Amino acid sequence: MNEHYPFKNPPLPYTYNALEPYITEETLYLHHNFILQQDVDNLNDILSTHPELQSLSIEELLTNPEGIPLEIRQSVLAYAGSIYNHIVFFNGMTSPATFFRSTLLYPAIIRDFGSIDNFFDELKKKTMAILGPGFTWLVTDQSGNLQIITTTCNTSPISDNLCIIAGLDVWEHSYYLQHFYSRVKYIEDWFHVMNWEEMEQRYKNCIDSI
């Protein structure tokens, strides 16, 4: 994504049908081309009358909320959070035919969760416990320890100084066309398209920044 206003919706790093059968072309097209695009447009509309904010990146908006005028702060944080979170989510998926052997992240998952099955079980449990819209995240704290956390609506963990490795969108628009209200089936399908290469690089960046 371009670094400052006017923001543009970045293209996906794969085609709209690349994640099938786990995420359908129709679902992905609607999610990226309409849902995310709408939030990009809304943020640009707000910032168009606030030139003092136009040189700031999405990350700078989210990590310095006190610098945003109070009358637009809630809206700016909501739209900027949506954009940031969606980019992490979209970039965190790949074709189910893609294979990547993790050398850093996998041992850390075993260290902090005991087994890959425990990791998947905890991620599913916490995701199912979200009431309403939100995101589930794999993050590291300032000590480099892995954690699975959840946020409501479009809140982003970077606002709490956590380093993101992966994010799962749990808004109904992510899965309703394909799974209706079956969030658990959506979660299980997402496991098949997780981009472990992207997660590995994010984890390395997190560790390097400590």
C-alpha atoms as a PDB file:
ATOM      1  CA  MET A   1       0.000   0.000   0.000  1.00  0.00           C
ATOM      2  CA  ASN A   2       1.164   3.533  -0.718  1.00  0.00           C
ATOM      3  CA  GLU A   3       2.540   5.122   2.423  1.00  0.00           C
ATOM      4  CA  HIS A   4       0.146   8.057   2.835  1.00  0.00           C
ATOM      5  CA  TYR A   5      -2.998   9.776   1.593  1.00  0.00           C
ATOM      6  CA  PRO A   6      -4.592   9.171  -0.837  1.00  0.00           C
ATOM      7  CA  PHE A   7      -4.474   5.499   0.046  1.00  0.00           C
ATOM      8  CA  LYS A   8      -5.140   2.852  -2.594  1.00  0.00           C
ATOM      9  CA  ASN A   9      -6.414  -0.667  -2.199  1.00  0.00           C
ATOM     10  CA  PRO A  10      -3.405  -2.871  -3.029  1.00  0.00           C
ATOM     11  CA  PRO A  11      -3.994  -5.788  -5.413  1.00  0.00           C
ATOM     12  CA  LEU A  12      -4.035  -9.269  -3.957  1.00  0.00           C
ATOM     13  CA  PRO A  13      -0.816 -11.290  -4.316  1.00  0.00           C
ATOM     14  CA  TYR A  14      -2.869 -14.041  -6.029  1.00  0.00           C
ATOM     15  CA  THR A  15      -5.928 -14.362  -8.254  1.00  0.00           C
ATOM     16  CA  TYR A  16      -9.437 -14.284  -6.829  1.00  0.00           C
ATOM     17  CA  ASN A  17      -9.869 -18.023  -7.448  1.00  0.00           C
ATOM     18  CA  ALA A  18      -6.452 -19.060  -6.096  1.00  0.00           C
ATOM     19  CA  LEU A  19      -7.754 -20.095  -2.666  1.00  0.00           C
ATOM     20  CA  GLU A  20     -10.548 -22.355  -3.874  1.00  0.00           C
ATOM     21  CA  PRO A  21     -12.162 -24.556  -2.703  1.00  0.00           C
ATOM     22  CA  TYR A  22     -11.428 -23.196   0.793  1.00  0.00           C
ATOM     23  CA  ILE A  23     -12.299 -19.575   0.016  1.00  0.00           C
ATOM     24  CA  THR A  24     -14.444 -19.072  -3.058  1.00  0.00           C
ATOM     25  CA  GLU A  25     -13.741 -16.568  -5.805  1.00  0.00           C
ATOM     26  CA  GLU A  26     -17.044 -14.786  -5.122  1.00  0.00           C
ATOM     27  CA  THR A  27     -16.299 -14.410  -1.408  1.00  0.00           C
ATOM     28  CA  LEU A  28     -12.773 -13.146  -1.965  1.00  0.00           C
ATOM     29  CA  TYR A  29     -13.798 -10.718  -4.712  1.00  0.00           C
ATOM     30  CA  LEU A  30     -16.525  -9.183  -2.553  1.00  0.00           C
ATOM     31  CA  HIS A  31     -14.230  -9.006   0.471  1.00  0.00           C
ATOM     32  CA  HIS A  32     -11.330  -7.338  -1.305  1.00  0.00           C
ATOM     33  CA  ASN A  33     -12.944  -5.362  -4.092  1.00  0.00           C
ATOM     34  CA  PHE A  34     -15.921  -4.001  -2.171  1.00  0.00           C
ATOM     35  CA  ILE A  35     -15.499  -4.301   1.610  1.00  0.00           C
ATOM     36  CA  LEU A  36     -11.868  -3.198   1.778  1.00  0.00           C
ATOM     37  CA  GLN A  37     -12.244  -0.712  -1.080  1.00  0.00           C
ATOM     38  CA  GLN A  38     -15.104   0.978   0.745  1.00  0.00           C
ATOM     39  CA  ASP A  39     -12.989   1.468   3.856  1.00  0.00           C
ATOM     40  CA  VAL A  40     -10.105   2.872   1.790  1.00  0.00           C
ATOM     41  CA  ASP A  41     -12.509   5.326   0.167  1.00  0.00           C
ATOM     42  CA  ASN A  42     -14.014   6.309   3.521  1.00  0.00           C
ATOM     43  CA  LEU A  43     -10.607   6.983   5.081  1.00  0.00           C
ATOM     44  CA  ASN A  44      -9.561   9.085   2.093  1.00  0.00           C
ATOM     45  CA  ASP A  45     -12.777  11.084   2.323  1.00  0.00           C
ATOM     46  CA  ILE A  46     -12.090  11.950   5.957  1.00  0.00           C
ATOM     47  CA  LEU A  47      -8.438  12.830   5.410  1.00  0.00           C
ATOM     48  CA  SER A  48      -9.237  14.992   2.369  1.00  0.00           C
ATOM     49  CA  THR A  49     -10.170  17.838   4.736  1.00  0.00           C
ATOM     50  CA  HIS A  50      -7.319  17.232   7.184  1.00  0.00           C
ATOM     51  CA  PRO A  51      -4.036  18.042   5.395  1.00  0.00           C
ATOM     52  CA  GLU A  52      -2.142  17.782   8.690  1.00  0.00           C
ATOM     53  CA  LEU A  53      -2.743  14.007   8.599  1.00  0.00           C
ATOM     54  CA  GLN A  54      -2.110  13.384   4.908  1.00  0.00           C
ATOM     55  CA  SER A  55       1.596  12.603   5.232  1.00  0.00           C
ATOM     56  CA  LEU A  56       1.007   9.846   7.805  1.00  0.00           C
ATOM     57  CA  SER A  57       1.045   6.139   7.011  1.00  0.00           C
ATOM     58  CA  ILE A  58      -1.613   3.711   8.193  1.00  0.00           C
ATOM     59  CA  GLU A  59       0.777   2.488  10.893  1.00  0.00           C
ATOM     60  CA  GLU A  60       1.446   6.044  12.088  1.00  0.00           C
ATOM     61  CA  LEU A  61      -2.266   6.776  12.324  1.00  0.00           C
ATOM     62  CA  LEU A  62      -2.872   3.629  14.380  1.00  0.00           C
ATOM     63  CA  THR A  63       0.060   4.037  16.737  1.00  0.00           C
ATOM     64  CA  ASN A  64      -0.386   7.773  17.415  1.00  0.00           C
ATOM     65  CA  PRO A  65      -4.118   8.211  18.007  1.00  0.00           C
ATOM     66  CA  GLU A  66      -3.584  11.255  20.221  1.00  0.00           C
ATOM     67  CA  GLY A  67      -2.411  13.138  17.129  1.00  0.00           C
ATOM     68  CA  ILE A  68      -5.780  12.683  15.420  1.00  0.00           C
ATOM     69  CA  PRO A  69      -8.409  15.371  16.120  1.00  0.00           C
ATOM     70  CA  LEU A  70     -10.967  14.049  18.578  1.00  0.00           C
ATOM     71  CA  GLU A  71     -13.952  14.660  16.307  1.00  0.00           C
ATOM     72  CA  ILE A  72     -12.629  12.240  13.652  1.00  0.00           C
ATOM     73  CA  ARG A  73     -10.440   9.974  15.782  1.00  0.00           C
ATOM     74  CA  GLN A  74     -12.874   7.090  16.130  1.00  0.00           C
ATOM     75  CA  SER A  75     -13.649   6.969  12.424  1.00  0.00           C
ATOM     76  CA  VAL A  76     -10.016   7.298  11.339  1.00  0.00           C
ATOM     77  CA  LEU A  77      -8.908   4.512  13.685  1.00  0.00           C
ATOM     78  CA  ALA A  78     -11.757   2.262  12.530  1.00  0.00           C
ATOM     79  CA  TYR A  79     -11.026   2.672   8.819  1.00  0.00           C
ATOM     80  CA  ALA A  80      -7.239   2.653   9.187  1.00  0.00           C
ATOM     81  CA  GLY A  81      -7.500  -0.443  11.392  1.00  0.00           C
ATOM     82  CA  SER A  82      -9.688  -2.166   8.832  1.00  0.00           C
ATOM     83  CA  ILE A  83      -7.228  -1.423   6.048  1.00  0.00           C
ATOM     84  CA  TYR A  84      -4.188  -2.548   8.033  1.00  0.00           C
ATOM     85  CA  ASN A  85      -5.898  -5.692   9.328  1.00  0.00           C
ATOM     86  CA  HIS A  86      -7.253  -6.687   5.938  1.00  0.00           C
ATOM     87  CA  ILE A  87      -3.862  -6.345   4.266  1.00  0.00           C
ATOM     88  CA  VAL A  88      -2.339  -8.639   6.906  1.00  0.00           C
ATOM     89  CA  PHE A  89      -5.221 -11.072   6.415  1.00  0.00           C
ATOM     90  CA  PHE A  90      -5.058 -11.136   2.605  1.00  0.00           C
ATOM     91  CA  ASN A  91      -1.264 -11.364   2.458  1.00  0.00           C
ATOM     92  CA  GLY A  92      -1.398 -14.125   5.045  1.00  0.00           C
ATOM     93  CA  MET A  93      -3.077 -16.561   2.665  1.00  0.00           C
ATOM     94  CA  THR A  94      -1.822 -18.505  -0.321  1.00  0.00           C
ATOM     95  CA  SER A  95      -2.839 -21.250  -2.725  1.00  0.00           C
ATOM     96  CA  PRO A  96      -3.487 -24.547  -0.904  1.00  0.00           C
ATOM     97  CA  ALA A  97      -1.055 -26.166  -3.333  1.00  0.00           C
ATOM     98  CA  THR A  98       1.812 -24.064  -1.952  1.00  0.00           C
ATOM     99  CA  PHE A  99       4.209 -25.805   0.415  1.00  0.00           C
ATOM    100  CA  PHE A 100       6.717 -24.130   2.698  1.00  0.00           C
ATOM    101  CA  ARG A 101       8.762 -25.698   5.489  1.00  0.00           C
ATOM    102  CA  SER A 102       9.123 -23.321   8.417  1.00  0.00           C
ATOM    103  CA  THR A 103      12.494 -23.332  10.170  1.00  0.00           C
ATOM    104  CA  LEU A 104      11.918 -20.569  12.749  1.00  0.00           C
ATOM    105  CA  LEU A 105       8.194 -20.298  13.421  1.00  0.00           C
ATOM    106  CA  TYR A 106       7.335 -23.979  13.687  1.00  0.00           C
ATOM    107  CA  PRO A 107       9.817 -24.665  16.539  1.00  0.00           C
ATOM    108  CA  ALA A 108       8.518 -21.545  18.311  1.00  0.00           C
ATOM    109  CA  ILE A 109       4.946 -22.842  18.036  1.00  0.00           C
ATOM    110  CA  ILE A 110       6.016 -26.160  19.567  1.00  0.00           C
ATOM    111  CA  ARG A 111       7.846 -24.273  22.321  1.00  0.00           C
ATOM    112  CA  ASP A 112       4.921 -22.019  23.246  1.00  0.00           C
ATOM    113  CA  PHE A 113       1.915 -24.249  22.513  1.00  0.00           C
ATOM    114  CA  GLY A 114       3.282 -27.764  22.986  1.00  0.00           C
ATOM    115  CA  SER A 115       2.254 -29.067  19.558  1.00  0.00           C
ATOM    116  CA  ILE A 116       0.854 -27.853  16.251  1.00  0.00           C
ATOM    117  CA  ASP A 117      -2.479 -29.458  17.164  1.00  0.00           C
ATOM    118  CA  ASN A 118      -2.592 -27.468  20.408  1.00  0.00           C
ATOM    119  CA  PHE A 119      -1.872 -24.316  18.418  1.00  0.00           C
ATOM    120  CA  PHE A 120      -4.732 -24.968  15.998  1.00  0.00           C
ATOM    121  CA  ASP A 121      -7.068 -25.928  18.856  1.00  0.00           C
ATOM    122  CA  GLU A 122      -6.345 -22.739  20.801  1.00  0.00           C
ATOM    123  CA  LEU A 123      -6.693 -20.571  17.716  1.00  0.00           C
ATOM    124  CA  LYS A 124     -10.045 -22.165  16.901  1.00  0.00           C
ATOM    125  CA  LYS A 125     -11.273 -21.893  20.503  1.00  0.00           C
ATOM    126  CA  LYS A 126     -10.405 -18.205  20.813  1.00  0.00           C
ATOM    127  CA  THR A 127     -11.819 -17.396  17.399  1.00  0.00           C
ATOM    128  CA  MET A 128     -15.112 -19.089  18.201  1.00  0.00           C
ATOM    129  CA  ALA A 129     -15.302 -17.106  21.460  1.00  0.00           C
ATOM    130  CA  ILE A 130     -15.353 -13.717  19.699  1.00  0.00           C
ATOM    131  CA  LEU A 131     -18.767 -12.140  20.154  1.00  0.00           C
ATOM    132  CA  GLY A 132     -19.590 -10.242  16.987  1.00  0.00           C
ATOM    133  CA  PRO A 133     -17.047  -8.983  14.446  1.00  0.00           C
ATOM    134  CA  GLY A 134     -13.322  -9.010  15.072  1.00  0.00           C
ATOM    135  CA  PHE A 135      -9.973 -10.603  14.292  1.00  0.00           C
ATOM    136  CA  THR A 136      -7.851 -13.389  15.745  1.00  0.00           C
ATOM    137  CA  TRP A 137      -4.093 -12.811  15.799  1.00  0.00           C
ATOM    138  CA  LEU A 138      -0.868 -14.709  16.236  1.00  0.00           C
ATOM    139  CA  VAL A 139       1.519 -12.162  17.729  1.00  0.00           C
ATOM    140  CA  THR A 140       4.742 -11.893  19.673  1.00  0.00           C
ATOM    141  CA  ASP A 141       5.177  -9.802  22.784  1.00  0.00           C
ATOM    142  CA  GLN A 142       8.271  -7.775  23.593  1.00  0.00           C
ATOM    143  CA  SER A 143      10.010 -10.927  24.846  1.00  0.00           C
ATOM    144  CA  GLY A 144       9.446 -12.813  21.613  1.00  0.00           C
ATOM    145  CA  ASN A 145       6.849 -15.166  23.054  1.00  0.00           C
ATOM    146  CA  LEU A 146       3.994 -16.267  20.819  1.00  0.00           C
ATOM    147  CA  GLN A 147       0.423 -15.466  21.829  1.00  0.00           C
ATOM    148  CA  ILE A 148      -3.003 -15.903  20.268  1.00  0.00           C
ATOM    149  CA  ILE A 149      -5.184 -12.885  20.980  1.00  0.00           C
ATOM    150  CA  THR A 150      -8.444 -11.491  19.657  1.00  0.00           C
ATOM    151  CA  THR A 151      -9.626  -7.955  18.972  1.00  0.00           C
ATOM    152  CA  THR A 152     -13.102  -6.594  18.384  1.00  0.00           C
ATOM    153  CA  CYS A 153     -14.240  -4.818  15.235  1.00  0.00           C
ATOM    154  CA  ASN A 154     -11.193  -3.263  13.492  1.00  0.00           C
ATOM    155  CA  THR A 155      -8.860  -2.803  16.451  1.00  0.00           C
ATOM    156  CA  SER A 156      -5.274  -3.702  15.547  1.00  0.00           C
ATOM    157  CA  PRO A 157      -2.626  -5.223  17.869  1.00  0.00           C
ATOM    158  CA  ILE A 158      -0.002  -2.773  16.631  1.00  0.00           C
ATOM    159  CA  SER A 159      -1.801  -0.154  18.715  1.00  0.00           C
ATOM    160  CA  ASP A 160      -0.685  -2.184  21.763  1.00  0.00           C
ATOM    161  CA  ASN A 161       2.915  -2.546  20.564  1.00  0.00           C
ATOM    162  CA  LEU A 162       2.470  -6.215  19.633  1.00  0.00           C
ATOM    163  CA  CYS A 163       4.174  -7.672  16.570  1.00  0.00           C
ATOM    164  CA  ILE A 164       1.796  -9.437  14.168  1.00  0.00           C
ATOM    165  CA  ILE A 165       2.598 -12.780  12.563  1.00  0.00           C
ATOM    166  CA  ALA A 166      -0.838 -13.722  11.219  1.00  0.00           C
ATOM    167  CA  GLY A 167      -4.398 -12.424  11.341  1.00  0.00           C
ATOM    168  CA  LEU A 168      -7.771 -14.060  10.709  1.00  0.00           C
ATOM    169  CA  ASP A 169     -10.742 -11.883   9.787  1.00  0.00           C
ATOM    170  CA  VAL A 170     -13.846 -13.029  11.681  1.00  0.00           C
ATOM    171  CA  TRP A 171     -16.338 -10.497  10.352  1.00  0.00           C
ATOM    172  CA  GLU A 172     -19.299 -12.318   8.776  1.00  0.00           C
ATOM    173  CA  HIS A 173     -18.495 -10.824   5.373  1.00  0.00           C
ATOM    174  CA  SER A 174     -15.427 -13.109   5.387  1.00  0.00           C
ATOM    175  CA  TYR A 175     -17.453 -16.293   5.220  1.00  0.00           C
ATOM    176  CA  TYR A 176     -21.228 -15.724   5.045  1.00  0.00           C
ATOM    177  CA  LEU A 177     -21.584 -16.294   1.279  1.00  0.00           C
ATOM    178  CA  GLN A 178     -19.799 -19.626   1.547  1.00  0.00           C
ATOM    179  CA  HIS A 179     -20.569 -20.915   5.031  1.00  0.00           C
ATOM    180  CA  PHE A 180     -23.522 -18.802   6.187  1.00  0.00           C
ATOM    181  CA  TYR A 181     -23.220 -18.798  10.000  1.00  0.00           C
ATOM    182  CA  SER A 182     -20.741 -21.690  10.279  1.00  0.00           C
ATOM    183  CA  ARG A 183     -17.695 -19.857  11.598  1.00  0.00           C
ATOM    184  CA  VAL A 184     -16.007 -23.099  12.617  1.00  0.00           C
ATOM    185  CA  LYS A 185     -16.009 -24.427   9.024  1.00  0.00           C
ATOM    186  CA  TYR A 186     -14.507 -21.143   7.846  1.00  0.00           C
ATOM    187  CA  ILE A 187     -11.720 -21.403  10.449  1.00  0.00           C
ATOM    188  CA  GLU A 188     -10.928 -24.973   9.446  1.00  0.00           C
ATOM    189  CA  ASP A 189     -10.807 -23.974   5.778  1.00  0.00           C
ATOM    190  CA  TRP A 190      -8.488 -21.056   6.595  1.00  0.00           C
ATOM    191  CA  PHE A 191      -5.987 -23.509   8.067  1.00  0.00           C
ATOM    192  CA  HIS A 192      -5.547 -24.902   4.533  1.00  0.00           C
ATOM    193  CA  VAL A 193      -4.573 -21.543   2.995  1.00  0.00           C
ATOM    194  CA  MET A 194      -2.360 -20.072   5.726  1.00  0.00           C
ATOM    195  CA  ASN A 195       0.728 -18.547   4.134  1.00  0.00           C
ATOM    196  CA  TRP A 196       3.482 -20.072   6.243  1.00  0.00           C
ATOM    197  CA  GLU A 197       6.201 -18.366   4.216  1.00  0.00           C
ATOM    198  CA  GLU A 198       4.684 -14.963   4.992  1.00  0.00           C
ATOM    199  CA  MET A 199       4.265 -15.932   8.639  1.00  0.00           C
ATOM    200  CA  GLU A 200       7.873 -17.099   8.817  1.00  0.00           C
ATOM    201  CA  GLN A 201       9.127 -13.776   7.455  1.00  0.00           C
ATOM    202  CA  ARG A 202       6.906 -11.800   9.803  1.00  0.00           C
ATOM    203  CA  TYR A 203       8.132 -13.851  12.758  1.00  0.00           C
ATOM    204  CA  LYS A 204      11.762 -13.264  11.743  1.00  0.00           C
ATOM    205  CA  ASN A 205      11.075  -9.527  11.493  1.00  0.00           C
ATOM    206  CA  CYS A 206       9.457  -9.571  14.933  1.00  0.00           C
ATOM    207  CA  ILE A 207      12.418 -11.361  16.516  1.00  0.00           C
ATOM    208  CA  ASP A 208      14.928  -9.106  14.758  1.00  0.00           C
ATOM    209  CA  SER A 209      13.167  -6.012  16.092  1.00  0.00           C
ATOM    210  CA  ILE A 210      13.426  -7.037  19.769  1.00  0.00           C
END
